[in-house]
Protein backbone atom coordinates (compact mmCIF):
# COMPACT_ATOMS: atom_id res chain seq x y z
CA MET A 1 -12.67 -124.60 133.74
CA ASN A 2 -10.90 -121.34 134.51
CA VAL A 3 -7.24 -122.22 134.97
CA GLN A 4 -4.82 -119.41 135.68
CA ILE A 5 -1.25 -119.47 134.39
CA THR A 6 -0.02 -120.03 137.96
CA ASP A 7 -2.48 -122.83 138.76
CA TRP A 8 -0.97 -125.54 136.60
CA PRO A 9 1.97 -126.52 138.89
CA ASP A 10 -0.49 -126.99 141.78
CA ARG A 11 -2.79 -129.06 139.59
CA LEU A 12 0.17 -131.12 138.44
CA PHE A 13 1.21 -131.67 142.06
CA ALA A 14 -2.33 -132.82 142.92
CA THR A 15 -2.21 -135.29 140.05
CA LEU A 16 1.11 -136.71 141.28
CA LYS A 17 -0.34 -137.06 144.78
CA ARG A 18 -3.44 -138.89 143.48
CA ALA A 19 -1.12 -141.19 141.52
CA GLY A 20 0.74 -142.17 144.68
CA ILE A 21 4.08 -140.63 143.71
CA ARG A 22 6.28 -140.98 146.81
CA GLN A 23 9.69 -139.99 145.42
CA VAL A 24 10.60 -137.06 143.18
CA GLY A 25 14.07 -136.57 141.74
CA TYR A 26 15.14 -133.30 140.17
CA VAL A 27 17.97 -131.04 139.18
CA PRO A 28 16.88 -127.56 140.35
CA ASP A 29 15.02 -125.75 137.57
CA ALA A 30 13.14 -122.45 137.59
CA GLY A 31 10.41 -123.92 135.37
CA HIS A 32 9.68 -126.58 138.01
CA ALA A 33 10.22 -124.27 141.02
CA ARG A 34 6.61 -124.26 142.25
CA LEU A 35 6.24 -128.03 141.78
CA ILE A 36 9.56 -128.67 143.54
CA ASP A 37 8.50 -126.44 146.44
CA ARG A 38 5.23 -128.38 146.79
CA CYS A 39 7.06 -131.73 146.75
CA ARG A 40 9.64 -130.54 149.29
CA ALA A 41 6.90 -129.33 151.64
CA ASP A 42 4.96 -132.62 151.52
CA PRO A 43 5.98 -135.07 154.26
CA ASP A 44 4.70 -138.01 152.18
CA ILE A 45 7.06 -137.27 149.28
CA ARG A 46 10.78 -137.83 149.43
CA ASP A 47 12.40 -135.13 147.30
CA VAL A 48 15.87 -135.95 146.00
CA VAL A 49 18.16 -133.30 144.54
CA LEU A 50 20.13 -134.98 141.76
CA THR A 51 23.64 -134.19 140.61
CA THR A 52 22.63 -135.00 137.05
CA GLU A 53 19.38 -136.10 135.42
CA GLU A 54 20.37 -139.69 134.63
CA GLU A 55 20.53 -140.37 138.37
CA GLY A 56 16.76 -139.91 138.31
CA VAL A 57 16.35 -142.97 136.08
CA ALA A 58 18.14 -145.07 138.73
CA LEU A 59 16.03 -143.41 141.44
CA ALA A 60 12.85 -144.45 139.61
CA ALA A 61 14.16 -148.03 139.26
CA GLY A 62 14.96 -148.24 142.96
CA ALA A 63 11.61 -146.74 143.94
CA TRP A 64 9.75 -149.30 141.81
CA LEU A 65 11.78 -152.19 143.22
CA GLY A 66 10.98 -150.89 146.70
CA GLY A 67 7.26 -150.74 145.98
CA GLU A 68 6.96 -146.99 145.42
CA ARG A 69 6.28 -144.70 142.50
CA ALA A 70 8.67 -141.95 141.45
CA ALA A 71 8.74 -139.02 139.06
CA LEU A 72 11.73 -137.32 137.45
CA LEU A 73 11.61 -133.54 136.91
CA MET A 74 14.02 -132.03 134.44
CA GLN A 75 14.63 -129.35 131.86
CA SER A 76 14.80 -130.35 128.20
CA SER A 77 18.55 -129.73 128.14
CA GLY A 78 18.96 -132.51 130.73
CA LEU A 79 17.27 -135.10 128.54
CA GLY A 80 20.49 -135.72 126.61
CA ASN A 81 22.13 -136.84 129.86
CA CYS A 82 19.57 -139.64 130.24
CA VAL A 83 19.59 -141.41 126.88
CA ASN A 84 21.98 -144.22 127.88
CA MET A 85 20.10 -144.79 131.13
CA PHE A 86 16.80 -145.27 129.31
CA SER A 87 18.10 -148.72 128.33
CA LEU A 88 17.70 -149.66 132.01
CA ALA A 89 14.02 -148.72 131.99
CA ARG A 90 13.42 -150.42 128.62
CA SER A 91 15.27 -153.63 129.49
CA CYS A 92 13.88 -153.99 133.00
CA ARG A 93 10.38 -152.71 132.09
CA PHE A 94 9.86 -150.43 135.05
CA PRO A 95 7.76 -147.28 134.87
CA LEU A 96 9.59 -144.03 134.28
CA LEU A 97 7.53 -140.84 134.53
CA MET A 98 9.36 -137.69 133.44
CA LEU A 99 8.10 -134.12 133.58
CA ILE A 100 10.18 -132.02 131.24
CA THR A 101 10.13 -128.23 131.07
CA MET A 102 11.09 -127.03 127.62
CA ARG A 103 13.85 -124.70 126.58
CA GLY A 104 14.86 -123.80 123.04
CA GLU A 105 11.33 -123.05 121.90
CA TRP A 106 9.19 -119.92 121.91
CA GLU A 107 11.05 -116.74 122.91
CA GLU A 108 14.28 -118.57 123.84
CA PHE A 109 17.10 -116.12 124.48
CA ASN A 110 19.89 -118.68 124.92
CA PRO A 111 21.06 -120.27 121.64
CA TRP A 112 22.70 -123.12 123.57
CA GLN A 113 19.23 -124.39 124.52
CA VAL A 114 17.96 -124.68 120.95
CA PRO A 115 19.73 -127.86 119.70
CA MET A 116 18.44 -130.18 122.44
CA GLY A 117 15.13 -128.36 122.64
CA SER A 118 14.52 -129.00 118.95
CA ILE A 119 14.97 -132.78 119.22
CA VAL A 120 13.26 -133.67 122.52
CA ASP A 121 10.23 -135.39 120.97
CA PRO A 122 12.16 -137.52 118.43
CA VAL A 123 14.78 -138.53 121.02
CA LEU A 124 12.08 -139.67 123.43
CA LYS A 125 10.24 -141.58 120.71
CA LEU A 126 13.46 -143.32 119.62
CA CYS A 127 13.87 -144.39 123.26
CA GLU A 128 10.35 -145.88 123.12
CA ALA A 129 8.84 -143.25 125.40
CA GLU A 130 5.28 -142.08 125.09
CA VAL A 131 5.25 -138.29 124.69
CA TYR A 132 2.52 -136.08 126.15
CA ARG A 133 2.97 -132.43 125.14
CA VAL A 134 1.13 -129.66 126.99
CA THR A 135 0.93 -126.08 125.72
CA LYS A 136 -2.08 -124.73 127.66
CA PRO A 137 -2.55 -124.57 131.44
CA GLU A 138 -6.04 -126.03 131.25
CA ASP A 139 -4.66 -129.24 129.67
CA VAL A 140 -1.96 -129.99 132.26
CA GLU A 141 -4.05 -132.01 134.69
CA SER A 142 -5.87 -134.23 132.19
CA THR A 143 -2.69 -134.86 130.21
CA ALA A 144 -0.77 -135.76 133.37
CA GLU A 145 -3.53 -138.17 134.40
CA ARG A 146 -3.33 -139.95 131.01
CA ALA A 147 0.45 -140.14 131.25
CA VAL A 148 0.39 -141.53 134.79
CA GLN A 149 -2.16 -144.18 133.79
CA HIS A 150 -0.05 -145.25 130.82
CA VAL A 151 3.34 -145.19 132.58
CA PHE A 152 2.33 -147.05 135.71
CA GLY A 153 -0.45 -149.15 134.20
CA ASP A 154 1.74 -150.52 131.40
CA GLU A 155 5.15 -150.14 133.09
CA ARG A 156 6.44 -147.89 130.34
CA ILE A 157 8.53 -144.78 129.80
CA GLY A 158 6.49 -141.61 129.49
CA ALA A 159 7.30 -137.92 129.32
CA ILE A 160 5.03 -134.98 129.96
CA ILE A 161 6.50 -132.13 127.93
CA LEU A 162 5.66 -128.76 129.48
CA SER A 163 5.91 -126.19 126.71
CA GLN A 164 7.87 -122.99 127.13
CA HIS A 165 4.51 -121.22 126.68
CA LEU A 166 3.49 -122.60 130.10
CA ILE A 167 6.72 -121.66 131.82
CA GLY A 168 6.83 -118.18 130.37
CA LYS A 169 9.54 -116.22 128.64
CA LYS A 170 12.98 -116.64 130.20
CA VAL A 171 14.83 -113.40 130.73
CA TRP A 172 18.60 -113.05 130.90
CA THR A 173 19.62 -111.49 134.22
CA LYS A 174 23.07 -110.39 135.26
């Protein structure tokens, strides 16, 4: 399979569509820009701009109670905002699918991103989330399919971690 660096957001979008995702919550993020654009353009998906990432946990709960599937898009720095809200997903056993673009890894220019970026996996595991890390474009689709199956099939918390290698080097601009 010849997957270009720019193909993976479209393949991820196609996976979300096949999974029946009808609501997508997000705080705007350059790493998710293409995926957000695709969701916003799709009349079958309700895109919700969040004030803060933990609102997305409540969005996913409401979607599930209303008979729909949701996904939460965020940057790794936003994960810390969600930790208390994960108790809702754990206690009520509703599916929570997160797609997390990483910061604080390879070629990070902003030292403020490093602390949270360095603890994403252990924080998620302590919150009883299944972690699916992707570093290569050709693995995005199959990894997302496994995550979707697990999250919605078992009504669990799951996070697809999209490595900074996928997103590309961030550059400071004035």
